[in-house]
Amino acid sequence: MTPAASREEKDIDQTVVGQYDVVMGTSRLNSARLTWTQENVAFANPGFNGNGGNQAALAPTLNYLHISGPAERRSAGTRR
């Protein structure tokens, strides 16, 4: 892989936690907990990330016997 075909990772992680406790006497406690987690990950080459995700605006990929460049054939790999 050439440097022009390198990939970047854009990772956004979010977590929200809420807890509600009720004391019911000297030896009893009720607790309720709610959690939510989200991960938004995008793997893409710098050209794709830098132009707002417009794959059509990128230069074509050149394929030779021992080298592939200047851009990776995939625009992005995402996991949501």
PDB file of N, CA and C in Angstrom:
ATOM      1  N   MET A   1       0.846  -1.175   0.000  1.00  0.00           N
ATOM      2  CA  MET A   1       0.000   0.000   0.000  1.00  0.00           C
ATOM      3  C   MET A   1       0.886   1.231   0.000  1.00  0.00           C
ATOM      4  N   THR A   2       0.528   2.196  -0.801  1.00  0.00           N
ATOM      5  CA  THR A   2       1.285   3.443  -0.870  1.00  0.00           C
ATOM      6  C   THR A   2       0.804   4.404   0.212  1.00  0.00           C
ATOM      7  N   PRO A   3       1.617   5.415   0.550  1.00  0.00           N
ATOM      8  CA  PRO A   3       1.158   6.407   1.541  1.00  0.00           C
ATOM      9  C   PRO A   3      -0.138   7.097   1.133  1.00  0.00           C
ATOM     10  N   ALA A   4      -0.345   7.287  -0.183  1.00  0.00           N
ATOM     11  CA  ALA A   4      -1.573   7.937  -0.642  1.00  0.00           C
ATOM     12  C   ALA A   4      -2.797   7.063  -0.416  1.00  0.00           C
ATOM     13  N   ALA A   5      -2.585   5.762  -0.248  1.00  0.00           N
ATOM     14  CA  ALA A   5      -3.701   4.846  -0.046  1.00  0.00           C
ATOM     15  C   ALA A   5      -3.917   4.524   1.429  1.00  0.00           C
ATOM     16  N   SER A   6      -3.253   5.247   2.315  1.00  0.00           N
ATOM     17  CA  SER A   6      -3.410   4.971   3.741  1.00  0.00           C
ATOM     18  C   SER A   6      -4.827   5.287   4.189  1.00  0.00           C
ATOM     19  N   ARG A   7      -5.186   4.740   5.334  1.00  0.00           N
ATOM     20  CA  ARG A   7      -6.537   4.951   5.852  1.00  0.00           C
ATOM     21  C   ARG A   7      -6.485   5.636   7.199  1.00  0.00           C
ATOM     22  N   GLU A   8      -7.495   6.447   7.456  1.00  0.00           N
ATOM     23  CA  GLU A   8      -7.644   7.126   8.744  1.00  0.00           C
ATOM     24  C   GLU A   8      -8.861   6.549   9.461  1.00  0.00           C
ATOM     25  N   GLU A   9      -8.865   6.708  10.761  1.00  0.00           N
ATOM     26  CA  GLU A   9     -10.013   6.265  11.553  1.00  0.00           C
ATOM     27  C   GLU A   9     -10.628   7.470  12.248  1.00  0.00           C
ATOM     28  N   LYS A  10     -11.921   7.610  12.083  1.00  0.00           N
ATOM     29  CA  LYS A  10     -12.673   8.650  12.796  1.00  0.00           C
ATOM     30  C   LYS A  10     -13.586   7.910  13.765  1.00  0.00           C
ATOM     31  N   ASP A  11     -13.376   8.115  15.044  1.00  0.00           N
ATOM     32  CA  ASP A  11     -14.074   7.337  16.059  1.00  0.00           C
ATOM     33  C   ASP A  11     -14.747   8.275  17.058  1.00  0.00           C
ATOM     34  N   ILE A  12     -16.059   8.144  17.191  1.00  0.00           N
ATOM     35  CA  ILE A  12     -16.820   8.933  18.160  1.00  0.00           C
ATOM     36  C   ILE A  12     -17.499   7.959  19.116  1.00  0.00           C
ATOM     37  N   ASP A  13     -17.163   8.049  20.391  1.00  0.00           N
ATOM     38  CA  ASP A  13     -17.763   7.209  21.427  1.00  0.00           C
ATOM     39  C   ASP A  13     -18.567   8.095  22.370  1.00  0.00           C
ATOM     40  N   GLN A  14     -19.777   7.657  22.696  1.00  0.00           N
ATOM     41  CA  GLN A  14     -20.635   8.398  23.612  1.00  0.00           C
ATOM     42  C   GLN A  14     -21.216   7.431  24.635  1.00  0.00           C
ATOM     43  N   THR A  15     -21.229   7.839  25.900  1.00  0.00           N
ATOM     44  CA  THR A  15     -21.813   7.032  26.966  1.00  0.00           C
ATOM     45  C   THR A  15     -22.597   7.945  27.900  1.00  0.00           C
ATOM     46  N   VAL A  16     -23.810   7.504  28.252  1.00  0.00           N
ATOM     47  CA  VAL A  16     -24.647   8.224  29.205  1.00  0.00           C
ATOM     48  C   VAL A  16     -25.030   7.235  30.301  1.00  0.00           C
ATOM     49  N   VAL A  17     -24.895   7.656  31.548  1.00  0.00           N
ATOM     50  CA  VAL A  17     -25.234   6.802  32.688  1.00  0.00           C
ATOM     51  C   VAL A  17     -26.139   7.595  33.625  1.00  0.00           C
ATOM     52  N   GLY A  18     -27.217   6.971  34.058  1.00  0.00           N
ATOM     53  CA  GLY A  18     -28.107   7.574  35.047  1.00  0.00           C
ATOM     54  C   GLY A  18     -28.391   6.570  36.147  1.00  0.00           C
ATOM     55  N   GLN A  19     -28.434   7.038  37.387  1.00  0.00           N
ATOM     56  CA  GLN A  19     -28.705   6.136  38.511  1.00  0.00           C
ATOM     57  C   GLN A  19     -29.647   6.834  39.489  1.00  0.00           C
ATOM     58  N   TYR A  20     -30.604   6.054  40.007  1.00  0.00           N
ATOM     59  CA  TYR A  20     -31.577   6.553  40.967  1.00  0.00           C
ATOM     60  C   TYR A  20     -31.547   5.626  42.179  1.00  0.00           C
ATOM     61  N   ASP A  21     -31.303   6.179  43.358  1.00  0.00           N
ATOM     62  CA  ASP A  21     -31.229   5.393  44.590  1.00  0.00           C
ATOM     63  C   ASP A  21     -32.320   5.855  45.558  1.00  0.00           C
ATOM     64  N   VAL A  22     -32.948   4.889  46.228  1.00  0.00           N
ATOM     65  CA  VAL A  22     -33.952   5.179  47.253  1.00  0.00           C
ATOM     66  C   VAL A  22     -33.556   4.424  48.517  1.00  0.00           C
ATOM     67  N   VAL A  23     -33.383   5.161  49.619  1.00  0.00           N
ATOM     68  CA  VAL A  23     -33.083   4.542  50.904  1.00  0.00           C
ATOM     69  C   VAL A  23     -34.405   4.267  51.606  1.00  0.00           C
ATOM     70  N   MET A  24     -34.607   2.985  51.950  1.00  0.00           N
ATOM     71  CA  MET A  24     -35.863   2.554  52.573  1.00  0.00           C
ATOM     72  C   MET A  24     -35.555   1.973  53.956  1.00  0.00           C
ATOM     73  N   GLY A  25     -35.247   2.814  54.867  1.00  0.00           N
ATOM     74  CA  GLY A  25     -34.919   2.358  56.213  1.00  0.00           C
ATOM     75  C   GLY A  25     -33.414   2.301  56.409  1.00  0.00           C
ATOM     76  N   THR A  26     -33.001   1.752  57.542  1.00  0.00           N
ATOM     77  CA  THR A  26     -31.585   1.737  57.901  1.00  0.00           C
ATOM     78  C   THR A  26     -30.795   0.649  57.199  1.00  0.00           C
ATOM     79  N   SER A  27     -31.465  -0.377  56.651  1.00  0.00           N
ATOM     80  CA  SER A  27     -30.715  -1.484  56.049  1.00  0.00           C
ATOM     81  C   SER A  27     -31.211  -1.859  54.644  1.00  0.00           C
ATOM     82  N   ARG A  28     -32.040  -1.023  54.027  1.00  0.00           N
ATOM     83  CA  ARG A  28     -32.563  -1.363  52.686  1.00  0.00           C
ATOM     84  C   ARG A  28     -32.319  -0.210  51.718  1.00  0.00           C
ATOM     85  N   LEU A  29     -31.914  -0.582  50.517  1.00  0.00           N
ATOM     86  CA  LEU A  29     -31.623   0.398  49.473  1.00  0.00           C
ATOM     87  C   LEU A  29     -32.104  -0.161  48.134  1.00  0.00           C
ATOM     88  N   ASN A  30     -32.854   0.615  47.396  1.00  0.00           N
ATOM     89  CA  ASN A  30     -33.259   0.259  46.034  1.00  0.00           C
ATOM     90  C   ASN A  30     -32.466   1.127  45.073  1.00  0.00           C
ATOM     91  N   SER A  31     -31.922   0.507  44.035  1.00  0.00           N
ATOM     92  CA  SER A  31     -31.159   1.235  43.014  1.00  0.00           C
ATOM     93  C   SER A  31     -31.678   0.873  41.636  1.00  0.00           C
ATOM     94  N   ALA A  32     -31.742   1.852  40.779  1.00  0.00           N
ATOM     95  CA  ALA A  32     -32.072   1.631  39.367  1.00  0.00           C
ATOM     96  C   ALA A  32     -31.011   2.349  38.545  1.00  0.00           C
ATOM     97  N   ARG A  33     -30.457   1.651  37.562  1.00  0.00           N
ATOM     98  CA  ARG A  33     -29.403   2.235  36.739  1.00  0.00           C
ATOM     99  C   ARG A  33     -29.747   2.041  35.265  1.00  0.00           C
ATOM    100  N   LEU A  34     -29.549   3.078  34.489  1.00  0.00           N
ATOM    101  CA  LEU A  34     -29.787   3.050  33.053  1.00  0.00           C
ATOM    102  C   LEU A  34     -28.514   3.531  32.362  1.00  0.00           C
ATOM    103  N   THR A  35     -28.029   2.753  31.388  1.00  0.00           N
ATOM    104  CA  THR A  35     -26.835   3.154  30.647  1.00  0.00           C
ATOM    105  C   THR A  35     -27.103   3.049  29.149  1.00  0.00           C
ATOM    106  N   TRP A  36     -26.415   3.885  28.369  1.00  0.00           N
ATOM    107  CA  TRP A  36     -26.523   3.883  26.918  1.00  0.00           C
ATOM    108  C   TRP A  36     -25.139   4.195  26.349  1.00  0.00           C
ATOM    109  N   THR A  37     -24.690   3.379  25.408  1.00  0.00           N
ATOM    110  CA  THR A  37     -23.389   3.570  24.771  1.00  0.00           C
ATOM    111  C   THR A  37     -23.550   3.491  23.266  1.00  0.00           C
ATOM    112  N   GLN A  38     -22.864   4.378  22.560  1.00  0.00           N
ATOM    113  CA  GLN A  38     -22.888   4.381  21.099  1.00  0.00           C
ATOM    114  C   GLN A  38     -21.469   4.581  20.591  1.00  0.00           C
ATOM    115  N   GLU A  39     -21.122   3.844  19.533  1.00  0.00           N
ATOM    116  CA  GLU A  39     -19.839   4.028  18.873  1.00  0.00           C
ATOM    117  C   GLU A  39     -20.092   4.231  17.389  1.00  0.00           C
ATOM    118  N   ASN A  40     -19.509   5.266  16.830  1.00  0.00           N
ATOM    119  CA  ASN A  40     -19.617   5.551  15.409  1.00  0.00           C
ATOM    120  C   ASN A  40     -18.203   5.598  14.853  1.00  0.00           C
ATOM    121  N   VAL A  41     -17.837   4.601  14.046  1.00  0.00           N
ATOM    122  CA  VAL A  41     -16.484   4.473  13.526  1.00  0.00           C
ATOM    123  C   VAL A  41     -16.519   4.526  12.010  1.00  0.00           C
ATOM    124  N   ALA A  42     -15.621   5.306  11.425  1.00  0.00           N
ATOM    125  CA  ALA A  42     -15.470   5.344   9.974  1.00  0.00           C
ATOM    126  C   ALA A  42     -13.997   5.179   9.635  1.00  0.00           C
ATOM    127  N   PHE A  43     -13.683   4.231   8.767  1.00  0.00           N
ATOM    128  CA  PHE A  43     -12.328   4.028   8.264  1.00  0.00           C
ATOM    129  C   PHE A  43     -12.329   4.463   6.804  1.00  0.00           C
ATOM    130  N   ALA A  44     -11.508   5.434   6.451  1.00  0.00           N
ATOM    131  CA  ALA A  44     -11.479   5.910   5.069  1.00  0.00           C
ATOM    132  C   ALA A  44     -10.110   6.511   4.770  1.00  0.00           C
ATOM    133  N   ASN A  45      -9.842   6.695   3.482  1.00  0.00           N
ATOM    134  CA  ASN A  45      -8.569   7.315   3.116  1.00  0.00           C
ATOM    135  C   ASN A  45      -8.661   8.828   3.324  1.00  0.00           C
ATOM    136  N   PRO A  46      -7.510   9.506   3.451  1.00  0.00           N
ATOM    137  CA  PRO A  46      -7.519  10.941   3.733  1.00  0.00           C
ATOM    138  C   PRO A  46      -8.246  11.761   2.671  1.00  0.00           C
ATOM    139  N   GLY A  47      -8.175  11.361   1.399  1.00  0.00           N
ATOM    140  CA  GLY A  47      -8.871  12.099   0.349  1.00  0.00           C
ATOM    141  C   GLY A  47     -10.373  12.075   0.535  1.00  0.00           C
ATOM    142  N   PHE A  48     -10.919  10.928   0.900  1.00  0.00           N
ATOM    143  CA  PHE A  48     -12.356  10.789   1.125  1.00  0.00           C
ATOM    144  C   PHE A  48     -12.792  11.600   2.343  1.00  0.00           C
ATOM    145  N   ASN A  49     -12.037  11.505   3.424  1.00  0.00           N
ATOM    146  CA  ASN A  49     -12.369  12.265   4.634  1.00  0.00           C
ATOM    147  C   ASN A  49     -12.229  13.764   4.410  1.00  0.00           C
ATOM    148  N   GLY A  50     -11.249  14.174   3.611  1.00  0.00           N
ATOM    149  CA  GLY A  50     -10.961  15.589   3.433  1.00  0.00           C
ATOM    150  C   GLY A  50     -11.900  16.321   2.489  1.00  0.00           C
ATOM    151  N   ASN A  51     -12.664  15.597   1.672  1.00  0.00           N
ATOM    152  CA  ASN A  51     -13.546  16.288   0.726  1.00  0.00           C
ATOM    153  C   ASN A  51     -15.019  16.084   1.054  1.00  0.00           C
ATOM    154  N   GLY A  52     -15.319  15.770   2.293  1.00  0.00           N
ATOM    155  CA  GLY A  52     -16.708  15.628   2.711  1.00  0.00           C
ATOM    156  C   GLY A  52     -17.346  14.308   2.322  1.00  0.00           C
ATOM    157  N   GLY A  53     -16.546  13.309   1.996  1.00  0.00           N
ATOM    158  CA  GLY A  53     -17.090  11.987   1.671  1.00  0.00           C
ATOM    159  C   GLY A  53     -17.562  11.849   0.237  1.00  0.00           C
ATOM    160  N   ASN A  54     -17.028  12.656  -0.684  1.00  0.00           N
ATOM    161  CA  ASN A  54     -17.446  12.602  -2.081  1.00  0.00           C
ATOM    162  C   ASN A  54     -16.488  11.688  -2.855  1.00  0.00           C
ATOM    163  N   GLN A  55     -16.876  10.425  -3.040  1.00  0.00           N
ATOM    164  CA  GLN A  55     -16.028   9.453  -3.732  1.00  0.00           C
ATOM    165  C   GLN A  55     -15.822   9.824  -5.197  1.00  0.00           C
ATOM    166  N   ALA A  56     -16.820  10.425  -5.838  1.00  0.00           N
ATOM    167  CA  ALA A  56     -16.717  10.770  -7.257  1.00  0.00           C
ATOM    168  C   ALA A  56     -15.636  11.830  -7.509  1.00  0.00           C
ATOM    169  N   ALA A  57     -15.295  12.628  -6.514  1.00  0.00           N
ATOM    170  CA  ALA A  57     -14.307  13.689  -6.692  1.00  0.00           C
ATOM    171  C   ALA A  57     -12.877  13.188  -6.558  1.00  0.00           C
ATOM    172  N   LEU A  58     -12.672  11.940  -6.141  1.00  0.00           N
ATOM    173  CA  LEU A  58     -11.320  11.406  -5.980  1.00  0.00           C
ATOM    174  C   LEU A  58     -10.747  10.966  -7.312  1.00  0.00           C
ATOM    175  N   ALA A  59      -9.428  11.012  -7.408  1.00  0.00           N
ATOM    176  CA  ALA A  59      -8.744  10.535  -8.611  1.00  0.00           C
ATOM    177  C   ALA A  59      -8.905   9.020  -8.735  1.00  0.00           C
ATOM    178  N   PRO A  60      -8.857   8.485  -9.947  1.00  0.00           N
ATOM    179  CA  PRO A  60      -9.002   7.040 -10.119  1.00  0.00           C
ATOM    180  C   PRO A  60      -7.815   6.287  -9.542  1.00  0.00           C
ATOM    181  N   THR A  61      -8.037   5.043  -9.201  1.00  0.00           N
ATOM    182  CA  THR A  61      -6.975   4.185  -8.691  1.00  0.00           C
ATOM    183  C   THR A  61      -6.217   3.574  -9.860  1.00  0.00           C
ATOM    184  N   LEU A  62      -4.898   3.611  -9.781  1.00  0.00           N
ATOM    185  CA  LEU A  62      -4.056   3.016 -10.802  1.00  0.00           C
ATOM    186  C   LEU A  62      -3.578   1.661 -10.323  1.00  0.00           C
ATOM    187  N   ASN A  63      -3.698   0.629 -11.120  1.00  0.00           N
ATOM    188  CA  ASN A  63      -3.268  -0.717 -10.752  1.00  0.00           C
ATOM    189  C   ASN A  63      -2.119  -1.163 -11.644  1.00  0.00           C
ATOM    190  N   TYR A  64      -1.002  -1.496 -11.018  1.00  0.00           N
ATOM    191  CA  TYR A  64       0.161  -2.032 -11.709  1.00  0.00           C
ATOM    192  C   TYR A  64       0.455  -3.416 -11.146  1.00  0.00           C
ATOM    193  N   LEU A  65       1.422  -4.097 -11.705  1.00  0.00           N
ATOM    194  CA  LEU A  65       1.731  -5.455 -11.276  1.00  0.00           C
ATOM    195  C   LEU A  65       2.117  -5.514  -9.798  1.00  0.00           C
ATOM    196  N   HIS A  66       2.939  -4.564  -9.328  1.00  0.00           N
ATOM    197  CA  HIS A  66       3.447  -4.635  -7.955  1.00  0.00           C
ATOM    198  C   HIS A  66       3.031  -3.463  -7.077  1.00  0.00           C
ATOM    199  N   ILE A  67       2.174  -2.589  -7.558  1.00  0.00           N
ATOM    200  CA  ILE A  67       1.798  -1.421  -6.759  1.00  0.00           C
ATOM    201  C   ILE A  67       0.376  -0.994  -7.118  1.00  0.00           C
ATOM    202  N   SER A  68      -0.309  -0.493  -6.149  1.00  0.00           N
ATOM    203  CA  SER A  68      -1.643   0.058  -6.361  1.00  0.00           C
ATOM    204  C   SER A  68      -1.661   1.456  -5.758  1.00  0.00           C
ATOM    205  N   GLY A  69      -2.052   2.457  -6.517  1.00  0.00           N
ATOM    206  CA  GLY A  69      -2.055   3.815  -5.995  1.00  0.00           C
ATOM    207  C   GLY A  69      -2.740   4.722  -6.967  1.00  0.00           C
ATOM    208  N   PRO A  70      -3.033   5.944  -6.723  1.00  0.00           N
ATOM    209  CA  PRO A  70      -2.676   6.681  -5.523  1.00  0.00           C
ATOM    210  C   PRO A  70      -3.711   6.595  -4.416  1.00  0.00           C
ATOM    211  N   ALA A  71      -4.911   6.065  -4.679  1.00  0.00           N
ATOM    212  CA  ALA A  71      -5.944   6.038  -3.652  1.00  0.00           C
ATOM    213  C   ALA A  71      -6.420   4.608  -3.439  1.00  0.00           C
ATOM    214  N   GLU A  72      -6.900   4.344  -2.248  1.00  0.00           N
ATOM    215  CA  GLU A  72      -7.474   3.033  -1.978  1.00  0.00           C
ATOM    216  C   GLU A  72      -8.802   2.897  -2.711  1.00  0.00           C
ATOM    217  N   ARG A  73      -9.112   1.681  -3.172  1.00  0.00           N
ATOM    218  CA  ARG A  73     -10.321   1.471  -3.965  1.00  0.00           C
ATOM    219  C   ARG A  73     -11.591   1.667  -3.154  1.00  0.00           C
ATOM    220  N   ARG A  74     -11.555   1.381  -1.862  1.00  0.00           N
ATOM    221  CA  ARG A  74     -12.732   1.569  -1.018  1.00  0.00           C
ATOM    222  C   ARG A  74     -12.751   2.995  -0.486  1.00  0.00           C
ATOM    223  N   SER A  75     -13.908   3.608  -0.483  1.00  0.00           N
ATOM    224  CA  SER A  75     -13.987   4.966   0.050  1.00  0.00           C
ATOM    225  C   SER A  75     -13.994   4.942   1.571  1.00  0.00           C
ATOM    226  N   ALA A  76     -14.810   4.076   2.139  1.00  0.00           N
ATOM    227  CA  ALA A  76     -14.914   4.052   3.601  1.00  0.00           C
ATOM    228  C   ALA A  76     -15.482   2.728   4.053  1.00  0.00           C
ATOM    229  N   GLY A  77     -15.098   2.346   5.243  1.00  0.00           N
ATOM    230  CA  GLY A  77     -15.706   1.211   5.929  1.00  0.00           C
ATOM    231  C   GLY A  77     -16.268   1.737   7.230  1.00  0.00           C
ATOM    232  N   THR A  78     -17.524   1.521   7.494  1.00  0.00           N
ATOM    233  CA  THR A  78     -18.127   2.083   8.701  1.00  0.00           C
ATOM    234  C   THR A  78     -18.753   0.996   9.548  1.00  0.00           C
ATOM    235  N   ARG A  79     -18.846   1.277  10.815  1.00  0.00           N
ATOM    236  CA  ARG A  79     -19.546   0.404  11.753  1.00  0.00           C
ATOM    237  C   ARG A  79     -20.342   1.306  12.675  1.00  0.00           C
ATOM    238  N   ARG A  80     -21.619   1.090  12.729  1.00  0.00           N
ATOM    239  CA  ARG A  80     -22.467   1.923  13.599  1.00  0.00           C
ATOM    240  C   ARG A  80     -23.249   1.057  14.536  1.00  0.00           C
TER     241      ARG A  80
END
